[in-house]
Amino acid sequence: MLARDTVIGTGCTVGGALIVHRSMQLGNVPGSYAGPGLFPTLIGIALCICGILVLAPALRQKKKGEKFFSEAGERLRLVEVTGLVIFLIACAPKLGFVLTSWIMMMAELCLRKNSLLRSAVVSTTLVVIVWGLFTKVLRVPLPVGPWGW
């Protein structure tokens, strides 16, 4: 059994189930086909499916003695990503989604040794696409910063 895949698959499955459970408790908006729990429910279902897809092969294989962090930089990458997600959660209400997400993407891409220009172009493109998809297409409000965006 692969230790890392087992932990990640179990975590995604349990986390997705908790998200689905909690999002079902959100109320409905009168006159709307999609209430506030629709997107969290879909994300929770997707997490459950992904968790099962990671967990199933790990349970079929048996590999003893494998360490959770098999490569030297894996622990550092886990800390980096966790820190950036905490940064997004903490700063998005104050700085807004656009600026916080752009800073987070820039930091992650620069930490992965991408050039500054490539990081800026990719970060800007992805943030604009996600912002446009959520605010214009899906009409989901995202945190607005002090500059109005």
N, C-alpha and C. Protein backbone atom coordinates (compact mmCIF):
# COMPACT_ATOMS: atom_id res chain seq x y z
N MET A 1 0.86 -1.17 0.00
CA MET A 1 0.00 0.00 0.00
C MET A 1 0.90 1.23 0.00
N LEU A 2 0.68 2.15 -0.90
CA LEU A 2 1.48 3.36 -0.98
C LEU A 2 0.99 4.35 0.07
N ALA A 3 1.86 4.68 1.00
CA ALA A 3 1.46 5.50 2.16
C ALA A 3 0.94 6.86 1.73
N ARG A 4 1.66 7.50 0.83
CA ARG A 4 1.26 8.86 0.43
C ARG A 4 -0.09 8.85 -0.27
N ASP A 5 -0.27 7.94 -1.23
CA ASP A 5 -1.54 7.88 -1.96
C ASP A 5 -2.70 7.51 -1.04
N THR A 6 -2.43 6.67 -0.08
CA THR A 6 -3.48 6.28 0.88
C THR A 6 -3.91 7.48 1.71
N VAL A 7 -2.95 8.24 2.21
CA VAL A 7 -3.27 9.41 3.04
C VAL A 7 -3.98 10.48 2.20
N ILE A 8 -3.45 10.76 1.02
CA ILE A 8 -4.05 11.80 0.18
C ILE A 8 -5.44 11.38 -0.29
N GLY A 9 -5.59 10.14 -0.73
CA GLY A 9 -6.89 9.66 -1.18
C GLY A 9 -7.93 9.66 -0.08
N THR A 10 -7.53 9.22 1.10
CA THR A 10 -8.45 9.22 2.24
C THR A 10 -8.81 10.65 2.62
N GLY A 11 -7.82 11.53 2.66
CA GLY A 11 -8.08 12.93 3.01
C GLY A 11 -9.02 13.60 2.04
N CYS A 12 -8.82 13.38 0.74
CA CYS A 12 -9.70 13.98 -0.27
C CYS A 12 -11.12 13.43 -0.17
N THR A 13 -11.23 12.13 0.04
CA THR A 13 -12.55 11.51 0.13
C THR A 13 -13.31 12.00 1.36
N VAL A 14 -12.65 11.99 2.50
CA VAL A 14 -13.30 12.43 3.74
C VAL A 14 -13.58 13.94 3.68
N GLY A 15 -12.61 14.71 3.20
CA GLY A 15 -12.81 16.16 3.07
C GLY A 15 -13.95 16.50 2.12
N GLY A 16 -14.02 15.79 1.00
CA GLY A 16 -15.11 16.01 0.05
C GLY A 16 -16.46 15.67 0.65
N ALA A 17 -16.52 14.57 1.41
CA ALA A 17 -17.78 14.19 2.06
C ALA A 17 -18.21 15.25 3.08
N LEU A 18 -17.25 15.78 3.83
CA LEU A 18 -17.57 16.84 4.80
C LEU A 18 -18.06 18.10 4.10
N ILE A 19 -17.43 18.45 2.97
CA ILE A 19 -17.86 19.63 2.22
C ILE A 19 -19.28 19.43 1.70
N VAL A 20 -19.57 18.25 1.16
CA VAL A 20 -20.93 17.98 0.66
C VAL A 20 -21.93 18.07 1.81
N HIS A 21 -21.59 17.47 2.94
CA HIS A 21 -22.49 17.49 4.10
C HIS A 21 -22.78 18.93 4.54
N ARG A 22 -21.73 19.74 4.68
CA ARG A 22 -21.91 21.12 5.14
C ARG A 22 -22.62 21.99 4.11
N SER A 23 -22.33 21.77 2.83
CA SER A 23 -22.95 22.61 1.81
C SER A 23 -24.43 22.29 1.63
N MET A 24 -24.83 21.10 1.99
CA MET A 24 -26.26 20.76 1.93
C MET A 24 -27.06 21.51 2.99
N GLN A 25 -26.38 22.00 4.01
CA GLN A 25 -27.04 22.72 5.08
C GLN A 25 -27.27 24.20 4.75
N LEU A 26 -26.68 24.67 3.65
CA LEU A 26 -26.90 26.07 3.26
C LEU A 26 -28.29 26.21 2.67
N GLY A 27 -28.91 27.32 2.92
CA GLY A 27 -30.27 27.54 2.46
C GLY A 27 -30.33 27.83 0.96
N ASN A 28 -31.54 27.83 0.42
CA ASN A 28 -31.75 28.14 -0.99
C ASN A 28 -32.16 29.59 -1.15
N VAL A 29 -31.83 30.14 -2.29
CA VAL A 29 -32.25 31.51 -2.62
C VAL A 29 -33.56 31.42 -3.37
N PRO A 30 -34.60 32.10 -2.89
CA PRO A 30 -35.89 32.03 -3.58
C PRO A 30 -35.79 32.54 -5.01
N GLY A 31 -36.36 31.80 -5.95
CA GLY A 31 -36.37 32.21 -7.35
C GLY A 31 -35.08 31.93 -8.09
N SER A 32 -34.16 31.21 -7.49
CA SER A 32 -32.89 30.92 -8.15
C SER A 32 -32.73 29.41 -8.29
N TYR A 33 -32.19 28.99 -9.42
CA TYR A 33 -31.97 27.56 -9.62
C TYR A 33 -30.75 27.07 -8.85
N ALA A 34 -29.84 27.97 -8.55
CA ALA A 34 -28.61 27.58 -7.86
C ALA A 34 -28.48 28.37 -6.57
N GLY A 35 -28.52 27.67 -5.47
CA GLY A 35 -28.35 28.32 -4.18
C GLY A 35 -26.87 28.41 -3.82
N PRO A 36 -26.58 28.90 -2.65
CA PRO A 36 -25.18 29.06 -2.24
C PRO A 36 -24.45 27.74 -2.02
N GLY A 37 -25.17 26.65 -1.92
CA GLY A 37 -24.52 25.37 -1.70
C GLY A 37 -24.18 24.60 -2.96
N LEU A 38 -24.56 25.12 -4.14
CA LEU A 38 -24.35 24.38 -5.38
C LEU A 38 -22.87 24.14 -5.67
N PHE A 39 -22.07 25.19 -5.69
CA PHE A 39 -20.65 25.03 -6.05
C PHE A 39 -19.87 24.25 -4.99
N PRO A 40 -20.09 24.52 -3.70
CA PRO A 40 -19.40 23.67 -2.72
C PRO A 40 -19.78 22.19 -2.84
N THR A 41 -21.04 21.92 -3.15
CA THR A 41 -21.47 20.53 -3.31
C THR A 41 -20.77 19.89 -4.50
N LEU A 42 -20.69 20.60 -5.62
CA LEU A 42 -20.01 20.06 -6.80
C LEU A 42 -18.52 19.84 -6.53
N ILE A 43 -17.90 20.77 -5.83
CA ILE A 43 -16.49 20.62 -5.49
C ILE A 43 -16.29 19.45 -4.54
N GLY A 44 -17.17 19.29 -3.56
CA GLY A 44 -17.09 18.17 -2.64
C GLY A 44 -17.24 16.83 -3.35
N ILE A 45 -18.17 16.76 -4.29
CA ILE A 45 -18.35 15.52 -5.06
C ILE A 45 -17.10 15.23 -5.89
N ALA A 46 -16.56 16.27 -6.52
CA ALA A 46 -15.33 16.09 -7.32
C ALA A 46 -14.17 15.62 -6.44
N LEU A 47 -14.06 16.18 -5.23
CA LEU A 47 -13.01 15.75 -4.31
C LEU A 47 -13.18 14.29 -3.92
N CYS A 48 -14.41 13.88 -3.66
CA CYS A 48 -14.67 12.47 -3.32
C CYS A 48 -14.26 11.55 -4.46
N ILE A 49 -14.63 11.91 -5.67
CA ILE A 49 -14.29 11.09 -6.83
C ILE A 49 -12.78 11.01 -7.01
N CYS A 50 -12.11 12.15 -6.92
CA CYS A 50 -10.65 12.16 -7.06
C CYS A 50 -9.99 11.36 -5.94
N GLY A 51 -10.49 11.50 -4.73
CA GLY A 51 -9.94 10.74 -3.60
C GLY A 51 -10.07 9.25 -3.81
N ILE A 52 -11.20 8.81 -4.31
CA ILE A 52 -11.41 7.39 -4.58
C ILE A 52 -10.49 6.92 -5.70
N LEU A 53 -10.32 7.76 -6.74
CA LEU A 53 -9.43 7.39 -7.85
C LEU A 53 -7.97 7.29 -7.40
N VAL A 54 -7.57 8.06 -6.40
CA VAL A 54 -6.21 7.97 -5.88
C VAL A 54 -6.09 6.81 -4.90
N LEU A 55 -7.12 6.60 -4.11
CA LEU A 55 -7.08 5.59 -3.05
C LEU A 55 -7.17 4.16 -3.59
N ALA A 56 -7.99 3.94 -4.61
CA ALA A 56 -8.21 2.57 -5.10
C ALA A 56 -6.92 1.88 -5.55
N PRO A 57 -6.09 2.49 -6.42
CA PRO A 57 -4.86 1.80 -6.81
C PRO A 57 -3.88 1.62 -5.64
N ALA A 58 -3.89 2.56 -4.72
CA ALA A 58 -2.98 2.48 -3.57
C ALA A 58 -3.33 1.29 -2.69
N LEU A 59 -4.61 1.01 -2.57
CA LEU A 59 -5.03 -0.13 -1.75
C LEU A 59 -4.73 -1.46 -2.44
N ARG A 60 -4.68 -1.46 -3.78
CA ARG A 60 -4.38 -2.69 -4.51
C ARG A 60 -2.89 -3.04 -4.47
N GLN A 61 -2.04 -2.03 -4.38
CA GLN A 61 -0.59 -2.27 -4.35
C GLN A 61 -0.12 -2.37 -2.92
N LYS A 62 0.85 -3.21 -2.71
CA LYS A 62 1.44 -3.30 -1.37
C LYS A 62 2.93 -3.05 -1.51
N LYS A 63 3.37 -1.99 -0.88
CA LYS A 63 4.78 -1.62 -0.95
C LYS A 63 5.20 -1.23 0.46
N LYS A 64 5.97 -2.07 1.09
CA LYS A 64 6.35 -1.81 2.48
C LYS A 64 7.61 -0.96 2.53
N GLY A 65 7.70 -0.18 3.56
CA GLY A 65 8.89 0.62 3.80
C GLY A 65 8.95 1.93 3.05
N GLU A 66 7.88 2.30 2.34
CA GLU A 66 7.91 3.57 1.61
C GLU A 66 7.69 4.72 2.58
N LYS A 67 8.49 5.74 2.44
CA LYS A 67 8.34 6.92 3.27
C LYS A 67 7.30 7.85 2.65
N PHE A 68 6.65 8.63 3.50
CA PHE A 68 5.63 9.56 3.02
C PHE A 68 6.26 10.61 2.10
N PHE A 69 7.40 11.17 2.51
CA PHE A 69 8.13 12.12 1.68
C PHE A 69 9.34 11.38 1.11
N SER A 70 9.22 10.87 -0.12
CA SER A 70 10.29 10.06 -0.69
C SER A 70 11.40 10.91 -1.29
N GLU A 71 11.12 12.10 -1.72
CA GLU A 71 12.14 12.98 -2.29
C GLU A 71 12.43 14.11 -1.32
N ALA A 72 13.62 14.70 -1.47
CA ALA A 72 14.07 15.72 -0.52
C ALA A 72 13.19 16.96 -0.50
N GLY A 73 12.72 17.43 -1.66
CA GLY A 73 11.98 18.68 -1.71
C GLY A 73 10.49 18.57 -1.50
N GLU A 74 9.98 17.37 -1.30
CA GLU A 74 8.53 17.21 -1.18
C GLU A 74 7.96 17.87 0.07
N ARG A 75 8.64 17.78 1.16
CA ARG A 75 8.17 18.40 2.40
C ARG A 75 8.10 19.92 2.23
N LEU A 76 9.12 20.50 1.59
CA LEU A 76 9.14 21.94 1.35
C LEU A 76 8.00 22.36 0.43
N ARG A 77 7.72 21.58 -0.61
CA ARG A 77 6.62 21.91 -1.51
C ARG A 77 5.27 21.86 -0.80
N LEU A 78 5.10 20.90 0.10
CA LEU A 78 3.87 20.82 0.88
C LEU A 78 3.69 22.06 1.75
N VAL A 79 4.77 22.50 2.39
CA VAL A 79 4.72 23.70 3.23
C VAL A 79 4.43 24.94 2.37
N GLU A 80 5.05 25.02 1.18
CA GLU A 80 4.83 26.16 0.28
C GLU A 80 3.36 26.26 -0.12
N VAL A 81 2.80 25.18 -0.60
CA VAL A 81 1.41 25.20 -1.07
C VAL A 81 0.46 25.48 0.08
N THR A 82 0.69 24.86 1.22
CA THR A 82 -0.17 25.10 2.39
C THR A 82 -0.10 26.57 2.80
N GLY A 83 1.09 27.12 2.83
CA GLY A 83 1.26 28.53 3.19
C GLY A 83 0.56 29.46 2.21
N LEU A 84 0.64 29.15 0.91
CA LEU A 84 0.00 30.00 -0.08
C LEU A 84 -1.52 29.92 0.00
N VAL A 85 -2.06 28.75 0.30
CA VAL A 85 -3.52 28.63 0.46
C VAL A 85 -3.98 29.40 1.70
N ILE A 86 -3.21 29.32 2.78
CA ILE A 86 -3.54 30.09 3.99
C ILE A 86 -3.47 31.59 3.68
N PHE A 87 -2.47 32.00 2.89
CA PHE A 87 -2.35 33.39 2.47
C PHE A 87 -3.59 33.82 1.69
N LEU A 88 -4.05 32.97 0.76
CA LEU A 88 -5.24 33.30 -0.03
C LEU A 88 -6.47 33.46 0.86
N ILE A 89 -6.65 32.54 1.78
CA ILE A 89 -7.81 32.60 2.67
C ILE A 89 -7.76 33.83 3.57
N ALA A 90 -6.56 34.16 4.07
CA ALA A 90 -6.43 35.28 5.00
C ALA A 90 -6.50 36.63 4.31
N CYS A 91 -5.95 36.74 3.11
CA CYS A 91 -5.81 38.05 2.48
C CYS A 91 -6.88 38.39 1.44
N ALA A 92 -7.58 37.39 0.91
CA ALA A 92 -8.58 37.67 -0.12
C ALA A 92 -9.67 38.63 0.35
N PRO A 93 -10.18 38.52 1.58
CA PRO A 93 -11.21 39.48 1.99
C PRO A 93 -10.69 40.92 2.07
N LYS A 94 -9.40 41.10 2.35
CA LYS A 94 -8.85 42.45 2.48
C LYS A 94 -8.32 43.00 1.16
N LEU A 95 -7.59 42.18 0.42
CA LEU A 95 -6.97 42.63 -0.83
C LEU A 95 -7.82 42.35 -2.06
N GLY A 96 -8.80 41.48 -1.94
CA GLY A 96 -9.63 41.11 -3.07
C GLY A 96 -9.09 39.86 -3.75
N PHE A 97 -9.96 39.21 -4.50
CA PHE A 97 -9.59 37.95 -5.16
C PHE A 97 -8.51 38.16 -6.20
N VAL A 98 -8.64 39.19 -7.00
CA VAL A 98 -7.72 39.38 -8.14
C VAL A 98 -6.29 39.55 -7.66
N LEU A 99 -6.05 40.48 -6.77
CA LEU A 99 -4.68 40.74 -6.32
C LEU A 99 -4.11 39.58 -5.50
N THR A 100 -4.91 39.03 -4.60
CA THR A 100 -4.43 37.93 -3.77
C THR A 100 -4.11 36.70 -4.62
N SER A 101 -4.97 36.37 -5.56
CA SER A 101 -4.73 35.21 -6.42
C SER A 101 -3.52 35.43 -7.31
N TRP A 102 -3.35 36.65 -7.80
CA TRP A 102 -2.19 36.96 -8.64
C TRP A 102 -0.89 36.81 -7.84
N ILE A 103 -0.88 37.34 -6.63
CA ILE A 103 0.32 37.21 -5.79
C ILE A 103 0.60 35.73 -5.50
N MET A 104 -0.44 34.98 -5.20
CA MET A 104 -0.27 33.56 -4.89
C MET A 104 0.29 32.80 -6.10
N MET A 105 -0.27 33.05 -7.29
CA MET A 105 0.21 32.38 -8.50
C MET A 105 1.65 32.78 -8.82
N MET A 106 1.95 34.07 -8.69
CA MET A 106 3.32 34.54 -8.96
C MET A 106 4.31 33.86 -8.02
N ALA A 107 3.96 33.79 -6.75
CA ALA A 107 4.85 33.17 -5.78
C ALA A 107 5.08 31.70 -6.11
N GLU A 108 4.02 31.00 -6.41
CA GLU A 108 4.14 29.56 -6.71
C GLU A 108 4.96 29.33 -7.97
N LEU A 109 4.70 30.10 -9.01
CA LEU A 109 5.45 29.90 -10.24
C LEU A 109 6.92 30.30 -10.09
N CYS A 110 7.19 31.36 -9.36
CA CYS A 110 8.58 31.76 -9.13
C CYS A 110 9.31 30.74 -8.25
N LEU A 111 8.62 30.16 -7.28
CA LEU A 111 9.23 29.11 -6.47
C LEU A 111 9.56 27.87 -7.29
N ARG A 112 8.85 27.68 -8.37
CA ARG A 112 9.10 26.54 -9.26
C ARG A 112 10.15 26.88 -10.32
N LYS A 113 10.86 27.98 -10.13
CA LYS A 113 11.98 28.38 -10.99
C LYS A 113 11.56 28.80 -12.40
N ASN A 114 10.35 29.35 -12.55
CA ASN A 114 9.93 29.93 -13.82
C ASN A 114 10.48 31.35 -13.90
N SER A 115 10.64 31.85 -15.11
CA SER A 115 11.12 33.22 -15.26
C SER A 115 10.06 34.20 -14.76
N LEU A 116 10.50 35.38 -14.40
CA LEU A 116 9.58 36.40 -13.87
C LEU A 116 8.55 36.79 -14.92
N LEU A 117 8.97 36.93 -16.17
CA LEU A 117 8.04 37.30 -17.24
C LEU A 117 7.01 36.21 -17.47
N ARG A 118 7.45 34.96 -17.56
CA ARG A 118 6.52 33.86 -17.76
C ARG A 118 5.55 33.75 -16.59
N SER A 119 6.06 33.90 -15.38
CA SER A 119 5.20 33.84 -14.19
C SER A 119 4.14 34.93 -14.23
N ALA A 120 4.54 36.15 -14.61
CA ALA A 120 3.59 37.26 -14.67
C ALA A 120 2.52 37.03 -15.73
N VAL A 121 2.93 36.55 -16.89
CA VAL A 121 1.96 36.32 -17.97
C VAL A 121 0.99 35.20 -17.60
N VAL A 122 1.49 34.10 -17.09
CA VAL A 122 0.62 32.98 -16.72
C VAL A 122 -0.30 33.36 -15.56
N SER A 123 0.24 34.04 -14.56
CA SER A 123 -0.57 34.45 -13.41
C SER A 123 -1.69 35.39 -13.84
N THR A 124 -1.35 36.39 -14.64
CA THR A 124 -2.35 37.35 -15.10
C THR A 124 -3.43 36.66 -15.93
N THR A 125 -3.01 35.80 -16.84
CA THR A 125 -3.97 35.10 -17.71
C THR A 125 -4.91 34.22 -16.89
N LEU A 126 -4.36 33.43 -15.98
CA LEU A 126 -5.21 32.54 -15.19
C LEU A 126 -6.16 33.29 -14.27
N VAL A 127 -5.67 34.34 -13.64
CA VAL A 127 -6.53 35.11 -12.73
C VAL A 127 -7.66 35.78 -13.50
N VAL A 128 -7.37 36.33 -14.67
CA VAL A 128 -8.42 36.96 -15.47
C VAL A 128 -9.45 35.93 -15.93
N ILE A 129 -8.99 34.75 -16.34
CA ILE A 129 -9.92 33.70 -16.78
C ILE A 129 -10.82 33.26 -15.62
N VAL A 130 -10.22 32.98 -14.46
CA VAL A 130 -11.01 32.53 -13.31
C VAL A 130 -11.96 33.63 -12.85
N TRP A 131 -11.46 34.86 -12.77
CA TRP A 131 -12.32 35.98 -12.36
C TRP A 131 -13.48 36.14 -13.33
N GLY A 132 -13.21 36.12 -14.63
CA GLY A 132 -14.27 36.26 -15.63
C GLY A 132 -15.27 35.13 -15.57
N LEU A 133 -14.78 33.91 -15.41
CA LEU A 133 -15.67 32.75 -15.34
C LEU A 133 -16.62 32.86 -14.15
N PHE A 134 -16.07 33.19 -12.99
CA PHE A 134 -16.92 33.24 -11.80
C PHE A 134 -17.81 34.48 -11.76
N THR A 135 -17.30 35.65 -12.08
CA THR A 135 -18.11 36.86 -11.94
C THR A 135 -19.04 37.11 -13.11
N LYS A 136 -18.59 36.83 -14.32
CA LYS A 136 -19.41 37.15 -15.49
C LYS A 136 -20.28 35.98 -15.95
N VAL A 137 -19.71 34.78 -15.99
CA VAL A 137 -20.46 33.64 -16.51
C VAL A 137 -21.33 33.01 -15.43
N LEU A 138 -20.72 32.66 -14.30
CA LEU A 138 -21.45 31.98 -13.24
C LEU A 138 -22.13 32.94 -12.26
N ARG A 139 -21.79 34.21 -12.33
CA ARG A 139 -22.35 35.26 -11.46
C ARG A 139 -22.16 34.95 -9.98
N VAL A 140 -20.96 34.49 -9.65
CA VAL A 140 -20.59 34.22 -8.26
C VAL A 140 -19.74 35.39 -7.78
N PRO A 141 -20.15 36.07 -6.72
CA PRO A 141 -19.36 37.20 -6.26
C PRO A 141 -18.05 36.74 -5.62
N LEU A 142 -16.97 37.39 -6.00
CA LEU A 142 -15.66 37.12 -5.42
C LEU A 142 -15.27 38.32 -4.56
N PRO A 143 -14.40 38.12 -3.58
CA PRO A 143 -14.01 39.25 -2.73
C PRO A 143 -13.43 40.40 -3.54
N VAL A 144 -13.91 41.59 -3.23
CA VAL A 144 -13.45 42.79 -3.92
C VAL A 144 -12.47 43.52 -3.01
N GLY A 145 -11.37 43.95 -3.57
CA GLY A 145 -10.35 44.64 -2.79
C GLY A 145 -10.67 46.11 -2.62
N PRO A 146 -9.79 46.84 -1.97
CA PRO A 146 -10.02 48.27 -1.74
C PRO A 146 -10.03 49.09 -3.03
N TRP A 147 -9.53 48.52 -4.13
CA TRP A 147 -9.49 49.25 -5.40
C TRP A 147 -10.71 48.96 -6.27
N GLY A 148 -11.61 48.14 -5.79
CA GLY A 148 -12.84 47.86 -6.53
C GLY A 148 -12.74 46.67 -7.47
N TRP A 149 -11.64 45.93 -7.42
CA TRP A 149 -11.50 44.73 -8.27
C TRP A 149 -10.82 43.63 -7.53
